[in-house]
């Protein structure tokens, strides 16, 4: 997909406007931005003294932590499925 084929949209995150470009549908990009904004608000409520950069880094760390846990869970499920299929084939 060439750069001209990419989708563009404007989103608000933490009271700032950003133009984002991507391959995903616009509604998906807006949903992602909304979730980032929501997580930043939640973190700020617990840590009101954080500046925007600190808040952004904590949001990124939390998001990556969630991603890694989901990826590990997914891999465990795939392994379990393979074991189940191997077990079923041998019965």
PDB file of N, CA and C in Angstrom:
ATOM      1  N   UNK A   1       0.861  -1.178   0.000  1.00  0.00           N
ATOM      2  CA  UNK A   1       0.000   0.000   0.000  1.00  0.00           C
ATOM      3  C   UNK A   1       0.901   1.232   0.000  1.00  0.00           C
ATOM      4  N   UNK A   2       0.710   2.100  -0.954  1.00  0.00           N
ATOM      5  CA  UNK A   2       1.548   3.289  -1.031  1.00  0.00           C
ATOM      6  C   UNK A   2       1.091   4.328  -0.006  1.00  0.00           C
ATOM      7  N   UNK A   3       1.951   5.299   0.220  1.00  0.00           N
ATOM      8  CA  UNK A   3       1.643   6.348   1.190  1.00  0.00           C
ATOM      9  C   UNK A   3       0.345   7.055   0.825  1.00  0.00           C
ATOM     10  N   UNK A   4       0.072   7.228  -0.469  1.00  0.00           N
ATOM     11  CA  UNK A   4      -1.147   7.929  -0.882  1.00  0.00           C
ATOM     12  C   UNK A   4      -2.398   7.094  -0.632  1.00  0.00           C
ATOM     13  N   UNK A   5      -2.244   5.762  -0.481  1.00  0.00           N
ATOM     14  CA  UNK A   5      -3.384   4.896  -0.223  1.00  0.00           C
ATOM     15  C   UNK A   5      -3.741   4.814   1.259  1.00  0.00           C
ATOM     16  N   UNK A   6      -2.879   5.330   2.099  1.00  0.00           N
ATOM     17  CA  UNK A   6      -3.119   5.236   3.539  1.00  0.00           C
ATOM     18  C   UNK A   6      -4.268   6.148   3.948  1.00  0.00           C
ATOM     19  N   UNK A   7      -4.913   5.746   5.031  1.00  0.00           N
ATOM     20  CA  UNK A   7      -6.041   6.529   5.540  1.00  0.00           C
ATOM     21  C   UNK A   7      -5.528   7.563   6.534  1.00  0.00           C
ATOM     22  N   UNK A   8      -6.168   8.724   6.542  1.00  0.00           N
ATOM     23  CA  UNK A   8      -5.777   9.819   7.432  1.00  0.00           C
ATOM     24  C   UNK A   8      -6.979  10.257   8.248  1.00  0.00           C
ATOM     25  N   UNK A   9      -6.701  10.577   9.518  1.00  0.00           N
ATOM     26  CA  UNK A   9      -7.765  11.106  10.362  1.00  0.00           C
ATOM     27  C   UNK A   9      -7.149  11.995  11.436  1.00  0.00           C
ATOM     28  N   UNK A  10      -7.987  12.768  12.070  1.00  0.00           N
ATOM     29  CA  UNK A  10      -7.566  13.638  13.163  1.00  0.00           C
ATOM     30  C   UNK A  10      -8.210  13.130  14.438  1.00  0.00           C
ATOM     31  N   UNK A  11      -7.411  13.036  15.504  1.00  0.00           N
ATOM     32  CA  UNK A  11      -7.908  12.532  16.784  1.00  0.00           C
ATOM     33  C   UNK A  11      -7.454  13.465  17.906  1.00  0.00           C
ATOM     34  N   UNK A  12      -8.150  13.388  19.018  1.00  0.00           N
ATOM     35  CA  UNK A  12      -7.759  14.136  20.210  1.00  0.00           C
ATOM     36  C   UNK A  12      -7.298  13.145  21.272  1.00  0.00           C
ATOM     37  N   UNK A  13      -6.093  13.371  21.779  1.00  0.00           N
ATOM     38  CA  UNK A  13      -5.540  12.557  22.857  1.00  0.00           C
ATOM     39  C   UNK A  13      -4.964  13.513  23.894  1.00  0.00           C
ATOM     40  N   UNK A  14      -5.452  13.375  25.097  1.00  0.00           N
ATOM     41  CA  UNK A  14      -4.979  14.185  26.226  1.00  0.00           C
ATOM     42  C   UNK A  14      -5.011  15.683  25.891  1.00  0.00           C
ATOM     43  N   UNK A  15      -6.157  16.104  25.394  1.00  0.00           N
ATOM     44  CA  UNK A  15      -6.421  17.520  25.084  1.00  0.00           C
ATOM     45  C   UNK A  15      -5.513  18.096  24.003  1.00  0.00           C
ATOM     46  N   UNK A  16      -4.972  17.233  23.154  1.00  0.00           N
ATOM     47  CA  UNK A  16      -4.176  17.701  22.022  1.00  0.00           C
ATOM     48  C   UNK A  16      -4.690  16.997  20.769  1.00  0.00           C
ATOM     49  N   UNK A  17      -4.598  17.684  19.648  1.00  0.00           N
ATOM     50  CA  UNK A  17      -5.067  17.146  18.381  1.00  0.00           C
ATOM     51  C   UNK A  17      -3.886  16.591  17.601  1.00  0.00           C
ATOM     52  N   UNK A  18      -4.081  15.379  17.069  1.00  0.00           N
ATOM     53  CA  UNK A  18      -3.041  14.718  16.281  1.00  0.00           C
ATOM     54  C   UNK A  18      -3.634  14.256  14.962  1.00  0.00           C
ATOM     55  N   UNK A  19      -2.839  14.363  13.905  1.00  0.00           N
ATOM     56  CA  UNK A  19      -3.210  13.786  12.618  1.00  0.00           C
ATOM     57  C   UNK A  19      -2.479  12.454  12.543  1.00  0.00           C
ATOM     58  N   UNK A  20      -3.245  11.381  12.319  1.00  0.00           N
ATOM     59  CA  UNK A  20      -2.619  10.075  12.228  1.00  0.00           C
ATOM     60  C   UNK A  20      -2.912   9.452  10.872  1.00  0.00           C
ATOM     61  N   UNK A  21      -1.974   8.629  10.424  1.00  0.00           N
ATOM     62  CA  UNK A  21      -2.043   7.991   9.112  1.00  0.00           C
ATOM     63  C   UNK A  21      -1.814   6.507   9.319  1.00  0.00           C
ATOM     64  N   UNK A  22      -2.606   5.679   8.660  1.00  0.00           N
ATOM     65  CA  UNK A  22      -2.406   4.247   8.807  1.00  0.00           C
ATOM     66  C   UNK A  22      -3.150   3.438   7.772  1.00  0.00           C
ATOM     67  N   UNK A  23      -2.925   2.135   7.841  1.00  0.00           N
ATOM     68  CA  UNK A  23      -3.575   1.205   6.923  1.00  0.00           C
ATOM     69  C   UNK A  23      -4.936   0.744   7.433  1.00  0.00           C
ATOM     70  N   UNK A  24      -5.166   0.901   8.717  1.00  0.00           N
ATOM     71  CA  UNK A  24      -6.407   0.432   9.331  1.00  0.00           C
ATOM     72  C   UNK A  24      -7.575   1.355   8.963  1.00  0.00           C
ATOM     73  N   UNK A  25      -8.801   0.846   9.082  1.00  0.00           N
ATOM     74  CA  UNK A  25      -9.966   1.720   8.843  1.00  0.00           C
ATOM     75  C   UNK A  25      -9.957   2.902   9.830  1.00  0.00           C
ATOM     76  N   UNK A  26     -10.513   3.995   9.398  1.00  0.00           N
ATOM     77  CA  UNK A  26     -10.517   5.204  10.226  1.00  0.00           C
ATOM     78  C   UNK A  26     -11.183   4.949  11.576  1.00  0.00           C
ATOM     79  N   UNK A  27     -12.284   4.197  11.604  1.00  0.00           N
ATOM     80  CA  UNK A  27     -12.948   3.941  12.885  1.00  0.00           C
ATOM     81  C   UNK A  27     -12.022   3.189  13.841  1.00  0.00           C
ATOM     82  N   UNK A  28     -11.154   2.342  13.299  1.00  0.00           N
ATOM     83  CA  UNK A  28     -10.192   1.616  14.132  1.00  0.00           C
ATOM     84  C   UNK A  28      -9.156   2.585  14.715  1.00  0.00           C
ATOM     85  N   UNK A  29      -8.622   3.463  13.874  1.00  0.00           N
ATOM     86  CA  UNK A  29      -7.624   4.430  14.354  1.00  0.00           C
ATOM     87  C   UNK A  29      -8.227   5.331  15.424  1.00  0.00           C
ATOM     88  N   UNK A  30      -9.469   5.739  15.232  1.00  0.00           N
ATOM     89  CA  UNK A  30     -10.132   6.587  16.236  1.00  0.00           C
ATOM     90  C   UNK A  30     -10.377   5.825  17.535  1.00  0.00           C
ATOM     91  N   UNK A  31     -10.718   4.538  17.430  1.00  0.00           N
ATOM     92  CA  UNK A  31     -10.925   3.734  18.629  1.00  0.00           C
ATOM     93  C   UNK A  31      -9.613   3.603  19.407  1.00  0.00           C
ATOM     94  N   UNK A  32      -8.521   3.350  18.705  1.00  0.00           N
ATOM     95  CA  UNK A  32      -7.212   3.241  19.357  1.00  0.00           C
ATOM     96  C   UNK A  32      -6.877   4.549  20.069  1.00  0.00           C
ATOM     97  N   UNK A  33      -7.075   5.666  19.396  1.00  0.00           N
ATOM     98  CA  UNK A  33      -6.795   6.966  20.000  1.00  0.00           C
ATOM     99  C   UNK A  33      -7.666   7.191  21.232  1.00  0.00           C
ATOM    100  N   UNK A  34      -8.909   6.803  21.151  1.00  0.00           N
ATOM    101  CA  UNK A  34      -9.827   6.954  22.279  1.00  0.00           C
ATOM    102  C   UNK A  34      -9.371   6.111  23.471  1.00  0.00           C
ATOM    103  N   UNK A  35      -8.904   4.902  23.208  1.00  0.00           N
ATOM    104  CA  UNK A  35      -8.424   4.041  24.286  1.00  0.00           C
ATOM    105  C   UNK A  35      -7.149   4.601  24.921  1.00  0.00           C
ATOM    106  N   UNK A  36      -6.264   5.151  24.110  1.00  0.00           N
ATOM    107  CA  UNK A  36      -5.050   5.791  24.642  1.00  0.00           C
ATOM    108  C   UNK A  36      -5.442   6.981  25.512  1.00  0.00           C
ATOM    109  N   UNK A  37      -6.355   7.796  25.023  1.00  0.00           N
ATOM    110  CA  UNK A  37      -6.827   8.956  25.783  1.00  0.00           C
ATOM    111  C   UNK A  37      -7.440   8.523  27.113  1.00  0.00           C
ATOM    112  N   UNK A  38      -8.250   7.481  27.068  1.00  0.00           N
ATOM    113  CA  UNK A  38      -8.902   6.968  28.278  1.00  0.00           C
ATOM    114  C   UNK A  38      -7.865   6.464  29.275  1.00  0.00           C
ATOM    115  N   UNK A  39      -6.879   5.715  28.793  1.00  0.00           N
ATOM    116  CA  UNK A  39      -5.858   5.198  29.706  1.00  0.00           C
ATOM    117  C   UNK A  39      -5.031   6.336  30.303  1.00  0.00           C
ATOM    118  N   UNK A  40      -4.718   7.347  29.505  1.00  0.00           N
ATOM    119  CA  UNK A  40      -3.966   8.491  30.030  1.00  0.00           C
ATOM    120  C   UNK A  40      -4.762   9.200  31.121  1.00  0.00           C
ATOM    121  N   UNK A  41      -6.078   9.342  30.914  1.00  0.00           N
ATOM    122  CA  UNK A  41      -6.919   9.981  31.933  1.00  0.00           C
ATOM    123  C   UNK A  41      -6.929   9.173  33.220  1.00  0.00           C
ATOM    124  N   UNK A  42      -7.024   7.843  33.095  1.00  0.00           N
ATOM    125  CA  UNK A  42      -7.044   6.985  34.282  1.00  0.00           C
ATOM    126  C   UNK A  42      -5.730   7.077  35.055  1.00  0.00           C
ATOM    127  N   UNK A  43      -4.615   7.064  34.333  1.00  0.00           N
ATOM    128  CA  UNK A  43      -3.315   7.159  34.989  1.00  0.00           C
ATOM    129  C   UNK A  43      -3.155   8.525  35.645  1.00  0.00           C
ATOM    130  N   UNK A  44      -3.612   9.570  34.977  1.00  0.00           N
ATOM    131  CA  UNK A  44      -3.487  10.911  35.528  1.00  0.00           C
ATOM    132  C   UNK A  44      -4.327  11.089  36.786  1.00  0.00           C
ATOM    133  N   UNK A  45      -5.485  10.438  36.837  1.00  0.00           N
ATOM    134  CA  UNK A  45      -6.325  10.522  38.032  1.00  0.00           C
ATOM    135  C   UNK A  45      -5.597   9.959  39.248  1.00  0.00           C
ATOM    136  N   UNK A  46      -4.806   8.892  39.045  1.00  0.00           N
ATOM    137  CA  UNK A  46      -4.062   8.300  40.158  1.00  0.00           C
ATOM    138  C   UNK A  46      -2.749   9.021  40.430  1.00  0.00           C
ATOM    139  N   UNK A  47      -2.245   9.738  39.422  1.00  0.00           N
ATOM    140  CA  UNK A  47      -0.949  10.423  39.530  1.00  0.00           C
ATOM    141  C   UNK A  47      -1.053  11.838  38.959  1.00  0.00           C
ATOM    142  N   UNK A  48      -1.772  12.725  39.634  1.00  0.00           N
ATOM    143  CA  UNK A  48      -2.037  14.045  39.045  1.00  0.00           C
ATOM    144  C   UNK A  48      -0.801  14.930  38.833  1.00  0.00           C
ATOM    145  N   UNK A  49       0.319  14.585  39.428  1.00  0.00           N
ATOM    146  CA  UNK A  49       1.515  15.432  39.284  1.00  0.00           C
ATOM    147  C   UNK A  49       2.367  15.092  38.070  1.00  0.00           C
ATOM    148  N   UNK A  50       2.005  14.044  37.350  1.00  0.00           N
ATOM    149  CA  UNK A  50       2.795  13.664  36.184  1.00  0.00           C
ATOM    150  C   UNK A  50       2.645  14.684  35.065  1.00  0.00           C
ATOM    151  N   UNK A  51       3.760  14.984  34.394  1.00  0.00           N
ATOM    152  CA  UNK A  51       3.648  15.843  33.218  1.00  0.00           C
ATOM    153  C   UNK A  51       3.260  14.967  32.019  1.00  0.00           C
ATOM    154  N   UNK A  52       3.000  15.594  30.896  1.00  0.00           N
ATOM    155  CA  UNK A  52       2.491  14.867  29.729  1.00  0.00           C
ATOM    156  C   UNK A  52       3.469  13.788  29.254  1.00  0.00           C
ATOM    157  N   UNK A  53       4.762  14.099  29.260  1.00  0.00           N
ATOM    158  CA  UNK A  53       5.752  13.113  28.811  1.00  0.00           C
ATOM    159  C   UNK A  53       5.765  11.899  29.740  1.00  0.00           C
ATOM    160  N   UNK A  54       5.752  12.130  31.042  1.00  0.00           N
ATOM    161  CA  UNK A  54       5.734  11.023  31.995  1.00  0.00           C
ATOM    162  C   UNK A  54       4.456  10.197  31.833  1.00  0.00           C
ATOM    163  N   UNK A  55       3.356  10.893  31.653  1.00  0.00           N
ATOM    164  CA  UNK A  55       2.071  10.238  31.463  1.00  0.00           C
ATOM    165  C   UNK A  55       2.079   9.373  30.198  1.00  0.00           C
ATOM    166  N   UNK A  56       2.645   9.902  29.137  1.00  0.00           N
ATOM    167  CA  UNK A  56       2.716   9.162  27.871  1.00  0.00           C
ATOM    168  C   UNK A  56       3.590   7.917  28.021  1.00  0.00           C
ATOM    169  N   UNK A  57       4.716   8.040  28.724  1.00  0.00           N
ATOM    170  CA  UNK A  57       5.601   6.891  28.908  1.00  0.00           C
ATOM    171  C   UNK A  57       4.918   5.824  29.758  1.00  0.00           C
ATOM    172  N   UNK A  58       4.261   6.221  30.835  1.00  0.00           N
ATOM    173  CA  UNK A  58       3.550   5.250  31.665  1.00  0.00           C
ATOM    174  C   UNK A  58       2.437   4.560  30.882  1.00  0.00           C
ATOM    175  N   UNK A  59       1.750   5.311  30.049  1.00  0.00           N
ATOM    176  CA  UNK A  59       0.701   4.729  29.212  1.00  0.00           C
ATOM    177  C   UNK A  59       1.303   3.710  28.257  1.00  0.00           C
ATOM    178  N   UNK A  60       2.428   4.054  27.649  1.00  0.00           N
ATOM    179  CA  UNK A  60       3.095   3.122  26.729  1.00  0.00           C
ATOM    180  C   UNK A  60       3.570   1.869  27.469  1.00  0.00           C
ATOM    181  N   UNK A  61       4.132   2.036  28.663  1.00  0.00           N
ATOM    182  CA  UNK A  61       4.600   0.888  29.441  1.00  0.00           C
ATOM    183  C   UNK A  61       3.432  -0.020  29.806  1.00  0.00           C
ATOM    184  N   UNK A  62       2.334   0.568  30.270  1.00  0.00           N
ATOM    185  CA  UNK A  62       1.150  -0.230  30.620  1.00  0.00           C
ATOM    186  C   UNK A  62       0.588  -0.958  29.405  1.00  0.00           C
ATOM    187  N   UNK A  63       0.544  -0.273  28.285  1.00  0.00           N
ATOM    188  CA  UNK A  63       0.015  -0.870  27.060  1.00  0.00           C
ATOM    189  C   UNK A  63       0.898  -2.020  26.596  1.00  0.00           C
ATOM    190  N   UNK A  64       2.216  -1.835  26.627  1.00  0.00           N
ATOM    191  CA  UNK A  64       3.128  -2.901  26.210  1.00  0.00           C
ATOM    192  C   UNK A  64       3.048  -4.082  27.173  1.00  0.00           C
ATOM    193  N   UNK A  65       2.892  -3.808  28.459  1.00  0.00           N
ATOM    194  CA  UNK A  65       2.727  -4.872  29.433  1.00  0.00           C
ATOM    195  C   UNK A  65       1.474  -5.693  29.114  1.00  0.00           C
ATOM    196  N   UNK A  66       0.375  -5.022  28.848  1.00  0.00           N
ATOM    197  CA  UNK A  66      -0.868  -5.718  28.489  1.00  0.00           C
ATOM    198  C   UNK A  66      -0.690  -6.533  27.210  1.00  0.00           C
ATOM    199  N   UNK A  67      -0.006  -5.959  26.239  1.00  0.00           N
ATOM    200  CA  UNK A  67       0.236  -6.641  24.961  1.00  0.00           C
ATOM    201  C   UNK A  67       1.040  -7.921  25.177  1.00  0.00           C
ATOM    202  N   UNK A  68       2.111  -7.837  25.972  1.00  0.00           N
ATOM    203  CA  UNK A  68       2.960  -9.011  26.219  1.00  0.00           C
ATOM    204  C   UNK A  68       2.178 -10.097  26.937  1.00  0.00           C
ATOM    205  N   UNK A  69       1.367  -9.715  27.928  1.00  0.00           N
ATOM    206  CA  UNK A  69       0.559 -10.705  28.637  1.00  0.00           C
ATOM    207  C   UNK A  69      -0.433 -11.376  27.688  1.00  0.00           C
ATOM    208  N   UNK A  70      -1.084 -10.603  26.838  1.00  0.00           N
ATOM    209  CA  UNK A  70      -2.022 -11.177  25.870  1.00  0.00           C
ATOM    210  C   UNK A  70      -1.314 -12.108  24.894  1.00  0.00           C
ATOM    211  N   UNK A  71      -0.133 -11.718  24.441  1.00  0.00           N
ATOM    212  CA  UNK A  71       0.634 -12.537  23.510  1.00  0.00           C
ATOM    213  C   UNK A  71       1.030 -13.860  24.170  1.00  0.00           C
ATOM    214  N   UNK A  72       1.459 -13.795  25.433  1.00  0.00           N
ATOM    215  CA  UNK A  72       1.804 -15.020  26.164  1.00  0.00           C
ATOM    216  C   UNK A  72       0.578 -15.913  26.329  1.00  0.00           C
ATOM    217  N   UNK A  73      -0.554 -15.323  26.691  1.00  0.00           N
ATOM    218  CA  UNK A  73      -1.799 -16.094  26.825  1.00  0.00           C
ATOM    219  C   UNK A  73      -2.180 -16.739  25.492  1.00  0.00           C
ATOM    220  N   UNK A  74      -2.052 -15.994  24.425  1.00  0.00           N
ATOM    221  CA  UNK A  74      -2.380 -16.498  23.089  1.00  0.00           C
ATOM    222  C   UNK A  74      -1.483 -17.683  22.733  1.00  0.00           C
ATOM    223  N   UNK A  75      -0.181 -17.536  22.988  1.00  0.00           N
ATOM    224  CA  UNK A  75       0.749 -18.626  22.687  1.00  0.00           C
ATOM    225  C   UNK A  75       0.449 -19.865  23.524  1.00  0.00           C
ATOM    226  N   UNK A  76       0.082 -19.677  24.784  1.00  0.00           N
ATOM    227  CA  UNK A  76      -0.292 -20.810  25.636  1.00  0.00           C
ATOM    228  C   UNK A  76      -1.539 -21.504  25.098  1.00  0.00           C
ATOM    229  N   UNK A  77      -2.495 -20.718  24.643  1.00  0.00           N
ATOM    230  CA  UNK A  77      -3.705 -21.303  24.058  1.00  0.00           C
ATOM    231  C   UNK A  77      -3.388 -22.094  22.793  1.00  0.00           C
ATOM    232  N   UNK A  78      -2.499 -21.552  21.959  1.00  0.00           N
ATOM    233  CA  UNK A  78      -2.107 -22.273  20.747  1.00  0.00           C
ATOM    234  C   UNK A  78      -1.417 -23.592  21.097  1.00  0.00           C
ATOM    235  N   UNK A  79      -0.537 -23.549  22.087  1.00  0.00           N
ATOM    236  CA  UNK A  79       0.150 -24.766  22.509  1.00  0.00           C
ATOM    237  C   UNK A  79      -0.847 -25.792  23.052  1.00  0.00           C
ATOM    238  N   UNK A  80      -1.795 -25.328  23.859  1.00  0.00           N
ATOM    239  CA  UNK A  80      -2.798 -26.226  24.420  1.00  0.00           C
ATOM    240  C   UNK A  80      -3.665 -26.821  23.312  1.00  0.00           C
ATOM    241  N   UNK A  81      -4.024 -26.009  22.343  1.00  0.00           N
ATOM    242  CA  UNK A  81      -4.830 -26.491  21.216  1.00  0.00           C
ATOM    243  C   UNK A  81      -4.070 -27.563  20.442  1.00  0.00           C
ATOM    244  N   UNK A  82      -2.780 -27.327  20.213  1.00  0.00           N
ATOM    245  CA  UNK A  82      -1.964 -28.308  19.492  1.00  0.00           C
ATOM    246  C   UNK A  82      -1.878 -29.612  20.282  1.00  0.00           C
ATOM    247  N   UNK A  83      -1.679 -29.516  21.589  1.00  0.00           N
ATOM    248  CA  UNK A  83      -1.630 -30.721  22.426  1.00  0.00           C
ATOM    249  C   UNK A  83      -2.959 -31.473  22.365  1.00  0.00           C
ATOM    250  N   UNK A  84      -4.061 -30.723  22.436  1.00  0.00           N
ATOM    251  CA  UNK A  84      -5.384 -31.339  22.370  1.00  0.00           C
ATOM    252  C   UNK A  84      -5.595 -32.042  21.028  1.00  0.00           C
ATOM    253  N   UNK A  85      -5.159 -31.385  19.950  1.00  0.00           N
ATOM    254  CA  UNK A  85      -5.321 -31.980  18.616  1.00  0.00           C
ATOM    255  C   UNK A  85      -4.436 -33.221  18.479  1.00  0.00           C
ATOM    256  N   UNK A  86      -3.202 -33.152  18.987  1.00  0.00           N
ATOM    257  CA  UNK A  86      -2.293 -34.300  18.929  1.00  0.00           C
ATOM    258  C   UNK A  86      -2.860 -35.457  19.743  1.00  0.00           C
ATOM    259  N   UNK A  87      -3.423 -35.147  20.884  1.00  0.00           N
ATOM    260  CA  UNK A  87      -4.013 -36.160  21.761  1.00  0.00           C
ATOM    261  C   UNK A  87      -5.231 -36.811  21.085  1.00  0.00           C
ATOM    262  N   UNK A  88      -6.050 -36.006  20.431  1.00  0.00           N
ATOM    263  CA  UNK A  88      -7.254 -36.508  19.748  1.00  0.00           C
ATOM    264  C   UNK A  88      -6.860 -37.417  18.575  1.00  0.00           C
ATOM    265  N   UNK A  89      -5.790 -37.060  17.849  1.00  0.00           N
ATOM    266  CA  UNK A  89      -5.355 -37.863  16.712  1.00  0.00           C
ATOM    267  C   UNK A  89      -4.856 -39.221  17.131  1.00  0.00           C
ATOM    268  N   UNK A  90      -4.326 -39.334  18.351  1.00  0.00           N
ATOM    269  CA  UNK A  90      -3.766 -40.595  18.821  1.00  0.00           C
ATOM    270  C   UNK A  90      -4.800 -41.481  19.513  1.00  0.00           C
ATOM    271  N   UNK A  91      -5.990 -41.007  19.662  1.00  0.00           N
ATOM    272  CA  UNK A  91      -7.049 -41.811  20.318  1.00  0.00           C
ATOM    273  C   UNK A  91      -7.742 -42.728  19.351  1.00  0.00           C
TER     274      UNK A  91
END
